[in-house]
Amino acid sequence: MDKYLFKDHFVHKHSADIFENSDIDVNKLYEQGFISNKVIPSLNKKLLKLFKKLSFDEYHMDSITHGKGTEYSFNKNGLPPMVSLLVDKIYSEFGCVLSMFDIEECPLGIEVAVCKLSEGYYVDWHQDCTNQAVISFCMVINEEDFEEGEGGVLQFSKVKYDSRGSIIDREVIGSFPTNNSGQIVFFNPSDLNYQHRCTEIKTTKTRYLVCGIIGEIG
């Protein structure tokens, strides 16, 4: 499996401008648990064209994931130019943070895949909590706009715990409808105060979800 290490992909010079908002405030990632942006329309179209040509494998469901979905791993199959451009830009934007964690003994890398999700798919509230992860992200690419009520909404919440570690309160602090094709959300996977979920997809329209996690790659 290819690791796509931070030290190999990170470039110190200004990289291609692929986000609509070029002013990314990394501090907000840790102040509010997540930040969002959007890729430019031309990249959105190229990614959609690429994803429609891929051969997806059956997706491994777990205790929080329900419904039907298929997956294509870029670590297993190689990074196409458009995905490599995305990885380079993410490494560049978050280089100030990632460089603090990247050491020779435990180099940082990225695991990235795209999932093709079908009607009935949803994910329960959860945390992608791992000591090895620094930054995670999800990006939605749609062929057709989702209408209100068709589901597939990515939501973020802030939670409170009691003395036993059980959740006693939840406040939804962010909601990203899937009609926003090209929407990308970065979040801090190590902060237990935040959770996220995807509401049930109630349409036969195709939805692609790019998921990535940057951390220590064994």
N, C-alpha and C. Protein backbone atom coordinates (compact mmCIF):
# COMPACT_ATOMS: atom_id res chain seq x y z
N MET A 1 0.85 -1.20 0.00
CA MET A 1 0.00 0.00 0.00
C MET A 1 0.88 1.25 0.00
N ASP A 2 0.62 2.18 -0.90
CA ASP A 2 1.37 3.43 -0.95
C ASP A 2 0.98 4.32 0.23
N LYS A 3 1.97 5.05 0.77
CA LYS A 3 1.74 5.83 1.98
C LYS A 3 1.55 7.32 1.71
N TYR A 4 2.07 7.83 0.59
CA TYR A 4 1.95 9.24 0.24
C TYR A 4 2.32 10.13 1.41
N LEU A 5 3.59 10.06 1.80
CA LEU A 5 4.09 10.73 2.98
C LEU A 5 4.06 12.25 2.84
N PHE A 6 3.79 12.89 3.96
CA PHE A 6 3.76 14.35 4.03
C PHE A 6 5.08 14.95 3.55
N LYS A 7 6.20 14.39 3.99
CA LYS A 7 7.51 14.95 3.64
C LYS A 7 7.80 14.86 2.14
N ASP A 8 7.18 13.91 1.45
CA ASP A 8 7.40 13.75 0.01
C ASP A 8 6.49 14.63 -0.83
N HIS A 9 5.29 14.92 -0.31
CA HIS A 9 4.30 15.69 -1.08
C HIS A 9 4.27 17.16 -0.72
N PHE A 10 4.65 17.48 0.52
CA PHE A 10 4.54 18.87 0.97
C PHE A 10 5.52 19.76 0.22
N VAL A 11 4.99 20.82 -0.40
CA VAL A 11 5.85 21.79 -1.10
C VAL A 11 5.74 23.14 -0.38
N HIS A 12 6.87 23.80 -0.18
CA HIS A 12 6.89 25.05 0.58
C HIS A 12 6.45 26.24 -0.28
N LYS A 13 6.55 26.11 -1.57
CA LYS A 13 6.11 27.20 -2.43
C LYS A 13 4.59 27.20 -2.53
N HIS A 14 4.04 28.28 -3.03
CA HIS A 14 2.59 28.40 -3.17
C HIS A 14 2.06 27.34 -4.14
N SER A 15 1.11 26.56 -3.69
CA SER A 15 0.56 25.50 -4.53
C SER A 15 -0.67 25.99 -5.27
N ALA A 16 -1.19 25.16 -6.15
CA ALA A 16 -2.33 25.55 -6.98
C ALA A 16 -3.52 25.97 -6.12
N ASP A 17 -4.22 27.01 -6.57
CA ASP A 17 -5.37 27.53 -5.83
C ASP A 17 -6.61 26.75 -6.24
N ILE A 18 -6.98 25.74 -5.47
CA ILE A 18 -8.11 24.89 -5.85
C ILE A 18 -9.32 25.07 -4.95
N PHE A 19 -9.21 25.90 -3.90
CA PHE A 19 -10.33 26.15 -3.01
C PHE A 19 -10.95 27.51 -3.31
N GLU A 20 -12.27 27.61 -3.18
CA GLU A 20 -12.95 28.88 -3.44
C GLU A 20 -12.53 29.94 -2.43
N ASN A 21 -12.35 29.53 -1.18
CA ASN A 21 -11.87 30.45 -0.14
C ASN A 21 -10.40 30.16 0.10
N SER A 22 -9.54 31.04 -0.36
CA SER A 22 -8.10 30.80 -0.25
C SER A 22 -7.55 31.13 1.14
N ASP A 23 -8.38 31.77 1.97
CA ASP A 23 -7.94 32.15 3.32
C ASP A 23 -8.44 31.13 4.34
N ILE A 24 -7.68 30.06 4.54
CA ILE A 24 -8.06 29.01 5.48
C ILE A 24 -7.48 29.32 6.85
N ASP A 25 -8.35 29.45 7.84
CA ASP A 25 -7.92 29.73 9.21
C ASP A 25 -7.77 28.41 9.96
N VAL A 26 -6.54 27.92 10.04
CA VAL A 26 -6.28 26.63 10.66
C VAL A 26 -6.64 26.65 12.14
N ASN A 27 -6.52 27.81 12.80
CA ASN A 27 -6.82 27.89 14.23
C ASN A 27 -8.26 27.49 14.53
N LYS A 28 -9.18 27.81 13.60
CA LYS A 28 -10.59 27.48 13.82
C LYS A 28 -10.83 25.98 13.87
N LEU A 29 -9.94 25.22 13.23
CA LEU A 29 -10.07 23.76 13.27
C LEU A 29 -10.04 23.26 14.70
N TYR A 30 -9.25 23.91 15.54
CA TYR A 30 -9.10 23.48 16.92
C TYR A 30 -10.01 24.26 17.87
N GLU A 31 -10.48 25.42 17.44
CA GLU A 31 -11.39 26.21 18.26
C GLU A 31 -12.82 25.68 18.19
N GLN A 32 -13.25 25.25 16.99
CA GLN A 32 -14.64 24.82 16.82
C GLN A 32 -14.78 23.38 16.32
N GLY A 33 -13.66 22.67 16.19
CA GLY A 33 -13.72 21.25 15.84
C GLY A 33 -13.70 20.95 14.37
N PHE A 34 -14.05 21.92 13.51
CA PHE A 34 -14.07 21.69 12.07
C PHE A 34 -14.01 23.03 11.33
N ILE A 35 -13.60 22.98 10.08
CA ILE A 35 -13.69 24.11 9.17
C ILE A 35 -14.10 23.57 7.81
N SER A 36 -14.73 24.41 7.01
CA SER A 36 -15.21 23.95 5.70
C SER A 36 -14.72 24.87 4.59
N ASN A 37 -14.72 24.34 3.39
CA ASN A 37 -14.34 25.09 2.20
C ASN A 37 -15.02 24.42 1.02
N LYS A 38 -14.66 24.82 -0.18
CA LYS A 38 -15.25 24.24 -1.38
C LYS A 38 -14.21 24.27 -2.49
N VAL A 39 -14.09 23.16 -3.23
CA VAL A 39 -13.16 23.15 -4.35
C VAL A 39 -13.77 23.93 -5.51
N ILE A 40 -12.92 24.47 -6.36
CA ILE A 40 -13.40 25.27 -7.49
C ILE A 40 -14.18 24.38 -8.46
N PRO A 41 -15.16 24.95 -9.20
CA PRO A 41 -16.02 24.16 -10.08
C PRO A 41 -15.27 23.29 -11.09
N SER A 42 -14.17 23.79 -11.63
CA SER A 42 -13.44 23.02 -12.64
C SER A 42 -12.87 21.73 -12.06
N LEU A 43 -12.36 21.78 -10.83
CA LEU A 43 -11.84 20.58 -10.18
C LEU A 43 -12.99 19.65 -9.80
N ASN A 44 -14.10 20.22 -9.38
CA ASN A 44 -15.27 19.43 -9.04
C ASN A 44 -15.71 18.59 -10.25
N LYS A 45 -15.75 19.20 -11.42
CA LYS A 45 -16.16 18.49 -12.64
C LYS A 45 -15.16 17.39 -13.01
N LYS A 46 -13.87 17.68 -12.86
CA LYS A 46 -12.84 16.69 -13.20
C LYS A 46 -12.88 15.50 -12.24
N LEU A 47 -13.12 15.76 -10.97
CA LEU A 47 -13.22 14.67 -10.00
C LEU A 47 -14.43 13.80 -10.28
N LEU A 48 -15.56 14.43 -10.60
CA LEU A 48 -16.76 13.68 -10.93
C LEU A 48 -16.53 12.79 -12.15
N LYS A 49 -15.90 13.32 -13.16
CA LYS A 49 -15.59 12.55 -14.37
C LYS A 49 -14.70 11.37 -14.04
N LEU A 50 -13.71 11.59 -13.17
CA LEU A 50 -12.81 10.52 -12.75
C LEU A 50 -13.55 9.44 -11.99
N PHE A 51 -14.36 9.83 -11.02
CA PHE A 51 -15.04 8.86 -10.16
C PHE A 51 -16.01 7.98 -10.94
N LYS A 52 -16.62 8.53 -11.98
CA LYS A 52 -17.57 7.76 -12.78
C LYS A 52 -16.90 6.64 -13.56
N LYS A 53 -15.57 6.71 -13.71
CA LYS A 53 -14.83 5.69 -14.46
C LYS A 53 -14.23 4.61 -13.55
N LEU A 54 -14.26 4.81 -12.24
CA LEU A 54 -13.60 3.89 -11.32
C LEU A 54 -14.40 2.61 -11.12
N SER A 55 -13.70 1.53 -10.81
CA SER A 55 -14.35 0.26 -10.46
C SER A 55 -14.30 0.12 -8.94
N PHE A 56 -15.45 0.20 -8.31
CA PHE A 56 -15.53 0.22 -6.85
C PHE A 56 -15.64 -1.18 -6.28
N ASP A 57 -15.08 -1.35 -5.07
CA ASP A 57 -15.18 -2.60 -4.33
C ASP A 57 -16.26 -2.49 -3.27
N GLU A 58 -16.75 -3.64 -2.81
CA GLU A 58 -17.75 -3.64 -1.74
C GLU A 58 -17.20 -2.94 -0.51
N TYR A 59 -18.03 -2.12 0.11
CA TYR A 59 -17.62 -1.33 1.27
C TYR A 59 -17.82 -2.14 2.54
N HIS A 60 -16.82 -2.10 3.42
CA HIS A 60 -16.90 -2.83 4.69
C HIS A 60 -17.74 -2.03 5.69
N MET A 61 -18.92 -2.52 6.02
CA MET A 61 -19.79 -1.85 6.98
C MET A 61 -19.35 -2.21 8.40
N ASP A 62 -19.65 -1.30 9.35
CA ASP A 62 -19.33 -1.56 10.74
C ASP A 62 -20.54 -1.20 11.60
N SER A 63 -20.33 -1.06 12.92
CA SER A 63 -21.45 -0.87 13.84
C SER A 63 -22.12 0.49 13.69
N ILE A 64 -21.46 1.47 13.08
CA ILE A 64 -22.05 2.80 12.94
C ILE A 64 -22.48 3.10 11.51
N THR A 65 -22.11 2.24 10.56
CA THR A 65 -22.39 2.48 9.15
C THR A 65 -23.49 1.54 8.68
N HIS A 66 -24.50 2.09 8.00
CA HIS A 66 -25.65 1.29 7.60
C HIS A 66 -25.98 1.55 6.12
N GLY A 67 -26.61 0.56 5.49
CA GLY A 67 -26.99 0.71 4.10
C GLY A 67 -25.93 0.16 3.17
N LYS A 68 -25.98 0.59 1.92
CA LYS A 68 -25.08 0.05 0.90
C LYS A 68 -24.15 1.13 0.35
N GLY A 69 -22.88 0.75 0.24
CA GLY A 69 -21.90 1.65 -0.35
C GLY A 69 -20.74 0.85 -0.90
N THR A 70 -20.01 1.42 -1.84
CA THR A 70 -18.81 0.79 -2.39
C THR A 70 -17.65 1.76 -2.26
N GLU A 71 -16.43 1.23 -2.35
CA GLU A 71 -15.25 2.05 -2.05
C GLU A 71 -14.14 1.82 -3.06
N TYR A 72 -13.35 2.87 -3.29
CA TYR A 72 -12.15 2.79 -4.13
C TYR A 72 -11.01 3.42 -3.34
N SER A 73 -9.99 2.62 -3.02
CA SER A 73 -8.85 3.09 -2.24
C SER A 73 -7.75 3.62 -3.15
N PHE A 74 -7.38 4.88 -2.97
CA PHE A 74 -6.29 5.46 -3.75
C PHE A 74 -4.93 4.99 -3.25
N ASN A 75 -4.83 4.62 -1.97
CA ASN A 75 -3.58 4.07 -1.46
C ASN A 75 -3.28 2.73 -2.11
N LYS A 76 -4.32 1.98 -2.38
CA LYS A 76 -4.17 0.66 -2.99
C LYS A 76 -3.97 0.75 -4.50
N ASN A 77 -4.66 1.70 -5.13
CA ASN A 77 -4.68 1.76 -6.60
C ASN A 77 -3.88 2.89 -7.22
N GLY A 78 -3.36 3.81 -6.41
CA GLY A 78 -2.57 4.91 -6.94
C GLY A 78 -3.34 6.22 -7.00
N LEU A 79 -2.62 7.34 -6.87
CA LEU A 79 -3.23 8.66 -6.89
C LEU A 79 -3.30 9.22 -8.31
N PRO A 80 -4.50 9.43 -8.85
CA PRO A 80 -4.62 10.13 -10.14
C PRO A 80 -4.20 11.59 -9.96
N PRO A 81 -3.84 12.27 -11.05
CA PRO A 81 -3.35 13.66 -10.94
C PRO A 81 -4.28 14.59 -10.18
N MET A 82 -5.59 14.50 -10.39
CA MET A 82 -6.51 15.42 -9.73
C MET A 82 -6.56 15.18 -8.22
N VAL A 83 -6.46 13.93 -7.81
CA VAL A 83 -6.47 13.61 -6.37
C VAL A 83 -5.12 13.98 -5.76
N SER A 84 -4.04 13.77 -6.51
CA SER A 84 -2.72 14.17 -6.05
C SER A 84 -2.65 15.68 -5.83
N LEU A 85 -3.29 16.44 -6.71
CA LEU A 85 -3.37 17.89 -6.57
C LEU A 85 -4.08 18.27 -5.28
N LEU A 86 -5.16 17.57 -4.98
CA LEU A 86 -5.91 17.81 -3.75
C LEU A 86 -5.06 17.51 -2.52
N VAL A 87 -4.37 16.38 -2.54
CA VAL A 87 -3.51 16.00 -1.41
C VAL A 87 -2.40 17.03 -1.21
N ASP A 88 -1.76 17.44 -2.29
CA ASP A 88 -0.69 18.44 -2.19
C ASP A 88 -1.20 19.75 -1.58
N LYS A 89 -2.40 20.16 -1.99
CA LYS A 89 -2.96 21.41 -1.48
C LYS A 89 -3.28 21.30 0.00
N ILE A 90 -3.84 20.17 0.41
CA ILE A 90 -4.15 19.97 1.83
C ILE A 90 -2.87 19.96 2.65
N TYR A 91 -1.87 19.25 2.17
CA TYR A 91 -0.58 19.24 2.87
C TYR A 91 -0.02 20.67 2.98
N SER A 92 -0.16 21.45 1.93
CA SER A 92 0.35 22.82 1.93
C SER A 92 -0.40 23.71 2.91
N GLU A 93 -1.73 23.63 2.89
CA GLU A 93 -2.56 24.48 3.75
C GLU A 93 -2.35 24.18 5.23
N PHE A 94 -2.15 22.91 5.56
CA PHE A 94 -2.02 22.52 6.96
C PHE A 94 -0.58 22.17 7.34
N GLY A 95 0.36 22.61 6.49
CA GLY A 95 1.76 22.29 6.73
C GLY A 95 2.29 22.78 8.06
N CYS A 96 1.80 23.95 8.52
CA CYS A 96 2.27 24.51 9.79
C CYS A 96 1.93 23.60 10.96
N VAL A 97 0.80 22.91 10.88
CA VAL A 97 0.39 21.98 11.93
C VAL A 97 1.05 20.63 11.74
N LEU A 98 1.00 20.12 10.52
CA LEU A 98 1.52 18.78 10.26
C LEU A 98 3.01 18.67 10.51
N SER A 99 3.75 19.75 10.22
CA SER A 99 5.20 19.70 10.40
C SER A 99 5.59 19.51 11.86
N MET A 100 4.71 19.89 12.79
CA MET A 100 5.01 19.71 14.21
C MET A 100 4.90 18.25 14.64
N PHE A 101 4.12 17.48 13.89
CA PHE A 101 3.90 16.07 14.24
C PHE A 101 4.77 15.12 13.41
N ASP A 102 5.29 15.62 12.31
CA ASP A 102 6.04 14.76 11.38
C ASP A 102 7.48 14.58 11.85
N ILE A 103 7.81 13.38 12.29
CA ILE A 103 9.17 13.07 12.72
C ILE A 103 9.66 11.83 11.98
N GLU A 104 10.96 11.68 11.91
CA GLU A 104 11.54 10.60 11.11
C GLU A 104 11.08 9.23 11.58
N GLU A 105 10.97 9.05 12.90
CA GLU A 105 10.59 7.74 13.43
C GLU A 105 9.13 7.40 13.13
N CYS A 106 8.28 8.42 13.08
CA CYS A 106 6.85 8.20 12.83
C CYS A 106 6.36 9.22 11.79
N PRO A 107 6.72 9.04 10.53
CA PRO A 107 6.34 10.02 9.50
C PRO A 107 4.84 10.05 9.25
N LEU A 108 4.35 11.23 8.90
CA LEU A 108 2.93 11.38 8.59
C LEU A 108 2.65 11.02 7.13
N GLY A 109 1.51 10.41 6.92
CA GLY A 109 1.06 10.10 5.58
C GLY A 109 -0.45 10.24 5.52
N ILE A 110 -1.01 9.97 4.37
CA ILE A 110 -2.46 10.11 4.19
C ILE A 110 -3.06 8.81 3.67
N GLU A 111 -4.21 8.47 4.20
CA GLU A 111 -5.03 7.39 3.65
C GLU A 111 -6.27 8.04 3.06
N VAL A 112 -6.51 7.82 1.78
CA VAL A 112 -7.61 8.50 1.11
C VAL A 112 -8.35 7.53 0.19
N ALA A 113 -9.67 7.63 0.21
CA ALA A 113 -10.51 6.76 -0.60
C ALA A 113 -11.77 7.53 -1.00
N VAL A 114 -12.45 7.05 -2.03
CA VAL A 114 -13.73 7.62 -2.41
C VAL A 114 -14.78 6.52 -2.30
N CYS A 115 -15.91 6.86 -1.71
CA CYS A 115 -17.02 5.92 -1.55
C CYS A 115 -18.18 6.34 -2.46
N LYS A 116 -18.81 5.36 -3.06
CA LYS A 116 -20.01 5.60 -3.86
C LYS A 116 -21.19 5.10 -3.04
N LEU A 117 -22.04 6.03 -2.61
CA LEU A 117 -23.09 5.71 -1.65
C LEU A 117 -24.45 5.61 -2.32
N SER A 118 -25.27 4.71 -1.80
CA SER A 118 -26.57 4.42 -2.39
C SER A 118 -27.70 4.76 -1.44
N GLU A 119 -28.92 4.72 -1.96
CA GLU A 119 -30.11 4.99 -1.17
C GLU A 119 -30.15 4.09 0.06
N GLY A 120 -30.45 4.67 1.21
CA GLY A 120 -30.52 3.91 2.45
C GLY A 120 -29.25 3.98 3.29
N TYR A 121 -28.19 4.56 2.74
CA TYR A 121 -26.92 4.66 3.47
C TYR A 121 -26.99 5.77 4.51
N TYR A 122 -26.47 5.49 5.70
CA TYR A 122 -26.32 6.54 6.72
C TYR A 122 -25.27 6.11 7.74
N VAL A 123 -24.76 7.08 8.49
CA VAL A 123 -23.75 6.82 9.51
C VAL A 123 -24.19 7.47 10.81
N ASP A 124 -24.13 6.72 11.91
CA ASP A 124 -24.51 7.23 13.22
C ASP A 124 -23.49 8.25 13.74
N TRP A 125 -23.89 8.97 14.78
CA TRP A 125 -22.97 9.89 15.45
C TRP A 125 -21.74 9.12 15.92
N HIS A 126 -20.55 9.68 15.66
CA HIS A 126 -19.32 9.00 16.06
C HIS A 126 -18.14 9.97 16.03
N GLN A 127 -17.01 9.49 16.53
CA GLN A 127 -15.74 10.20 16.45
C GLN A 127 -14.74 9.32 15.72
N ASP A 128 -13.93 9.92 14.87
CA ASP A 128 -12.84 9.18 14.23
C ASP A 128 -11.61 9.31 15.12
N CYS A 129 -11.75 8.90 16.36
CA CYS A 129 -10.72 9.17 17.36
C CYS A 129 -9.60 8.13 17.28
N THR A 130 -8.39 8.62 17.10
CA THR A 130 -7.20 7.78 17.11
C THR A 130 -6.00 8.63 17.48
N ASN A 131 -5.11 8.08 18.27
CA ASN A 131 -3.93 8.82 18.71
C ASN A 131 -3.00 9.14 17.54
N GLN A 132 -3.11 8.38 16.45
CA GLN A 132 -2.21 8.55 15.32
C GLN A 132 -2.71 9.58 14.31
N ALA A 133 -3.96 10.04 14.45
CA ALA A 133 -4.54 10.94 13.46
C ALA A 133 -4.36 12.40 13.85
N VAL A 134 -4.08 13.25 12.86
CA VAL A 134 -3.91 14.68 13.09
C VAL A 134 -5.07 15.47 12.48
N ILE A 135 -5.41 15.18 11.22
CA ILE A 135 -6.49 15.86 10.52
C ILE A 135 -7.25 14.86 9.67
N SER A 136 -8.58 14.97 9.68
CA SER A 136 -9.42 14.16 8.80
C SER A 136 -10.24 15.10 7.91
N PHE A 137 -10.74 14.57 6.80
CA PHE A 137 -11.59 15.39 5.95
C PHE A 137 -12.58 14.53 5.18
N CYS A 138 -13.70 15.15 4.81
CA CYS A 138 -14.72 14.54 3.94
C CYS A 138 -15.08 15.54 2.86
N MET A 139 -15.23 15.07 1.64
CA MET A 139 -15.61 15.94 0.53
C MET A 139 -16.71 15.27 -0.28
N VAL A 140 -17.76 16.01 -0.54
CA VAL A 140 -18.91 15.51 -1.28
C VAL A 140 -18.80 15.89 -2.76
N ILE A 141 -19.00 14.91 -3.63
CA ILE A 141 -19.09 15.17 -5.07
C ILE A 141 -20.38 14.52 -5.57
N ASN A 142 -21.28 15.32 -6.12
CA ASN A 142 -22.56 14.82 -6.60
C ASN A 142 -22.70 15.03 -8.11
N GLU A 143 -23.36 14.07 -8.75
CA GLU A 143 -23.69 14.24 -10.16
C GLU A 143 -24.95 15.07 -10.33
N GLU A 144 -25.89 14.89 -9.40
CA GLU A 144 -27.12 15.67 -9.39
C GLU A 144 -27.29 16.30 -8.01
N ASP A 145 -27.87 17.50 -7.97
CA ASP A 145 -28.13 18.14 -6.69
C ASP A 145 -29.13 17.34 -5.87
N PHE A 146 -28.88 17.26 -4.58
CA PHE A 146 -29.84 16.66 -3.66
C PHE A 146 -30.83 17.74 -3.23
N GLU A 147 -32.10 17.40 -3.23
CA GLU A 147 -33.12 18.33 -2.77
C GLU A 147 -33.30 18.19 -1.26
N GLU A 148 -33.91 19.21 -0.66
CA GLU A 148 -34.19 19.15 0.77
C GLU A 148 -35.10 17.96 1.06
N GLY A 149 -34.76 17.18 2.04
CA GLY A 149 -35.54 16.00 2.38
C GLY A 149 -34.99 14.72 1.79
N GLU A 150 -33.97 14.82 0.91
CA GLU A 150 -33.39 13.62 0.30
C GLU A 150 -32.21 13.08 1.10
N GLY A 151 -31.90 13.74 2.23
CA GLY A 151 -30.90 13.21 3.16
C GLY A 151 -29.47 13.38 2.71
N GLY A 152 -28.60 12.56 3.32
CA GLY A 152 -27.18 12.61 3.01
C GLY A 152 -26.50 13.86 3.53
N VAL A 153 -27.01 14.40 4.64
CA VAL A 153 -26.46 15.64 5.20
C VAL A 153 -25.35 15.30 6.21
N LEU A 154 -24.20 15.92 6.05
CA LEU A 154 -23.10 15.76 7.00
C LEU A 154 -23.30 16.76 8.13
N GLN A 155 -23.40 16.26 9.37
CA GLN A 155 -23.64 17.11 10.52
C GLN A 155 -22.53 16.96 11.55
N PHE A 156 -22.23 18.07 12.23
CA PHE A 156 -21.26 18.08 13.32
C PHE A 156 -21.95 18.53 14.60
N SER A 157 -21.55 17.95 15.72
CA SER A 157 -22.15 18.31 17.00
C SER A 157 -21.08 18.41 18.08
N LYS A 158 -21.38 19.22 19.09
CA LYS A 158 -20.54 19.31 20.28
C LYS A 158 -21.26 18.58 21.40
N VAL A 159 -20.55 17.74 22.12
CA VAL A 159 -21.19 16.91 23.14
C VAL A 159 -20.60 17.18 24.52
N LYS A 160 -21.42 16.89 25.54
CA LYS A 160 -20.97 16.97 26.93
C LYS A 160 -21.12 15.60 27.58
N TYR A 161 -20.23 15.30 28.50
CA TYR A 161 -20.21 14.00 29.15
C TYR A 161 -20.46 14.13 30.64
N ASP A 162 -21.00 13.06 31.23
CA ASP A 162 -21.09 13.02 32.69
C ASP A 162 -19.82 12.40 33.25
N SER A 163 -19.77 12.21 34.55
CA SER A 163 -18.56 11.71 35.20
C SER A 163 -18.20 10.29 34.78
N ARG A 164 -19.18 9.58 34.22
CA ARG A 164 -18.93 8.20 33.77
C ARG A 164 -18.55 8.12 32.30
N GLY A 165 -18.53 9.26 31.64
CA GLY A 165 -18.16 9.28 30.23
C GLY A 165 -19.31 9.08 29.27
N SER A 166 -20.55 9.13 29.78
CA SER A 166 -21.73 9.00 28.92
C SER A 166 -22.16 10.38 28.44
N ILE A 167 -22.63 10.46 27.20
CA ILE A 167 -23.06 11.73 26.63
C ILE A 167 -24.37 12.17 27.27
N ILE A 168 -24.41 13.39 27.79
CA ILE A 168 -25.61 13.91 28.43
C ILE A 168 -26.22 15.08 27.66
N ASP A 169 -25.49 15.63 26.70
CA ASP A 169 -26.03 16.75 25.93
C ASP A 169 -25.35 16.80 24.56
N ARG A 170 -26.11 17.19 23.55
CA ARG A 170 -25.57 17.30 22.19
C ARG A 170 -26.13 18.55 21.52
N GLU A 171 -25.26 19.35 20.92
CA GLU A 171 -25.65 20.54 20.19
C GLU A 171 -25.11 20.45 18.76
N VAL A 172 -26.00 20.44 17.77
CA VAL A 172 -25.57 20.43 16.37
C VAL A 172 -25.03 21.82 16.03
N ILE A 173 -23.77 21.88 15.61
CA ILE A 173 -23.11 23.16 15.36
C ILE A 173 -22.76 23.38 13.89
N GLY A 174 -22.99 22.38 13.06
CA GLY A 174 -22.70 22.53 11.64
C GLY A 174 -23.47 21.52 10.82
N SER A 175 -23.97 21.94 9.66
CA SER A 175 -24.76 21.05 8.80
C SER A 175 -24.44 21.37 7.35
N PHE A 176 -24.07 20.33 6.58
CA PHE A 176 -23.63 20.53 5.20
C PHE A 176 -24.45 19.65 4.26
N PRO A 177 -25.51 20.21 3.65
CA PRO A 177 -26.34 19.44 2.72
C PRO A 177 -25.52 18.95 1.53
N THR A 178 -25.89 17.80 1.02
CA THR A 178 -25.10 17.20 -0.06
C THR A 178 -25.38 17.82 -1.43
N ASN A 179 -26.26 18.81 -1.51
CA ASN A 179 -26.39 19.48 -2.80
C ASN A 179 -25.21 20.43 -3.03
N ASN A 180 -24.38 20.62 -1.99
CA ASN A 180 -23.18 21.44 -2.13
C ASN A 180 -22.04 20.60 -2.68
N SER A 181 -22.12 20.21 -3.93
CA SER A 181 -21.07 19.40 -4.53
C SER A 181 -19.75 20.15 -4.52
N GLY A 182 -18.70 19.48 -4.08
CA GLY A 182 -17.41 20.11 -3.94
C GLY A 182 -17.13 20.61 -2.54
N GLN A 183 -18.12 20.49 -1.65
CA GLN A 183 -17.94 20.90 -0.25
C GLN A 183 -16.95 19.97 0.44
N ILE A 184 -15.95 20.55 1.11
CA ILE A 184 -14.97 19.76 1.85
C ILE A 184 -14.93 20.27 3.29
N VAL A 185 -14.95 19.35 4.23
CA VAL A 185 -14.94 19.69 5.65
C VAL A 185 -13.73 19.02 6.30
N PHE A 186 -12.92 19.81 6.98
CA PHE A 186 -11.78 19.29 7.73
C PHE A 186 -12.14 19.27 9.20
N PHE A 187 -11.73 18.23 9.91
CA PHE A 187 -12.03 18.18 11.33
C PHE A 187 -10.91 17.53 12.12
N ASN A 188 -10.93 17.81 13.41
CA ASN A 188 -9.91 17.33 14.33
C ASN A 188 -10.34 15.99 14.91
N PRO A 189 -9.75 14.88 14.49
CA PRO A 189 -10.22 13.56 14.92
C PRO A 189 -9.82 13.20 16.35
N SER A 190 -8.99 14.00 16.99
CA SER A 190 -8.52 13.66 18.33
C SER A 190 -9.29 14.36 19.44
N ASP A 191 -10.24 15.24 19.07
CA ASP A 191 -11.01 15.98 20.07
C ASP A 191 -12.31 15.24 20.38
N LEU A 192 -12.42 14.72 21.60
CA LEU A 192 -13.58 13.92 21.99
C LEU A 192 -14.84 14.75 22.19
N ASN A 193 -14.73 16.07 22.17
CA ASN A 193 -15.89 16.93 22.39
C ASN A 193 -16.75 17.10 21.13
N TYR A 194 -16.28 16.56 20.01
CA TYR A 194 -17.01 16.73 18.75
C TYR A 194 -17.30 15.38 18.10
N GLN A 195 -18.49 15.27 17.52
CA GLN A 195 -18.88 14.07 16.77
C GLN A 195 -19.49 14.51 15.44
N HIS A 196 -19.62 13.56 14.52
CA HIS A 196 -20.24 13.85 13.24
C HIS A 196 -21.03 12.63 12.76
N ARG A 197 -21.92 12.85 11.81
CA ARG A 197 -22.73 11.78 11.24
C ARG A 197 -23.17 12.16 9.83
N CYS A 198 -23.71 11.19 9.11
CA CYS A 198 -24.32 11.43 7.81
C CYS A 198 -25.75 10.92 7.89
N THR A 199 -26.73 11.78 7.60
CA THR A 199 -28.12 11.35 7.66
C THR A 199 -28.45 10.43 6.49
N GLU A 200 -29.52 9.69 6.63
CA GLU A 200 -29.87 8.66 5.64
C GLU A 200 -30.15 9.26 4.26
N ILE A 201 -29.57 8.64 3.24
CA ILE A 201 -29.81 9.05 1.86
C ILE A 201 -31.15 8.48 1.40
N LYS A 202 -32.05 9.35 0.95
CA LYS A 202 -33.40 8.93 0.58
C LYS A 202 -33.67 9.21 -0.90
N THR A 203 -32.67 8.98 -1.72
CA THR A 203 -32.81 9.20 -3.16
C THR A 203 -31.91 8.21 -3.89
N THR A 204 -32.23 7.96 -5.16
CA THR A 204 -31.39 7.08 -5.97
C THR A 204 -30.27 7.84 -6.68
N LYS A 205 -30.20 9.15 -6.46
CA LYS A 205 -29.13 9.95 -7.07
C LYS A 205 -27.77 9.50 -6.54
N THR A 206 -26.77 9.55 -7.40
CA THR A 206 -25.43 9.10 -7.02
C THR A 206 -24.74 10.14 -6.15
N ARG A 207 -24.10 9.65 -5.10
CA ARG A 207 -23.31 10.52 -4.24
C ARG A 207 -21.94 9.91 -4.04
N TYR A 208 -20.90 10.70 -4.26
CA TYR A 208 -19.53 10.27 -3.98
C TYR A 208 -19.02 11.01 -2.75
N LEU A 209 -18.35 10.30 -1.89
CA LEU A 209 -17.81 10.88 -0.67
C LEU A 209 -16.32 10.54 -0.58
N VAL A 210 -15.48 11.56 -0.66
CA VAL A 210 -14.04 11.38 -0.53
C VAL A 210 -13.68 11.52 0.94
N CYS A 211 -13.04 10.51 1.50
CA CYS A 211 -12.66 10.52 2.91
C CYS A 211 -11.15 10.38 3.03
N GLY A 212 -10.56 11.17 3.90
CA GLY A 212 -9.12 11.09 4.09
C GLY A 212 -8.75 11.31 5.54
N ILE A 213 -7.66 10.71 5.96
CA ILE A 213 -7.14 10.91 7.30
C ILE A 213 -5.62 11.02 7.22
N ILE A 214 -5.09 12.05 7.86
CA ILE A 214 -3.65 12.28 7.88
C ILE A 214 -3.12 11.97 9.28
N GLY A 215 -2.13 11.13 9.35
CA GLY A 215 -1.57 10.75 10.64
C GLY A 215 -0.39 9.83 10.46
N GLU A 216 -0.01 9.16 11.55
CA GLU A 216 1.09 8.22 11.49
C GLU A 216 0.65 6.98 10.71
N ILE A 217 1.31 6.71 9.63
CA ILE A 217 0.97 5.57 8.78
C ILE A 217 1.98 4.46 9.03
N GLY A 218 1.48 3.35 9.57
CA GLY A 218 2.37 2.23 9.91
C GLY A 218 2.77 1.42 8.69
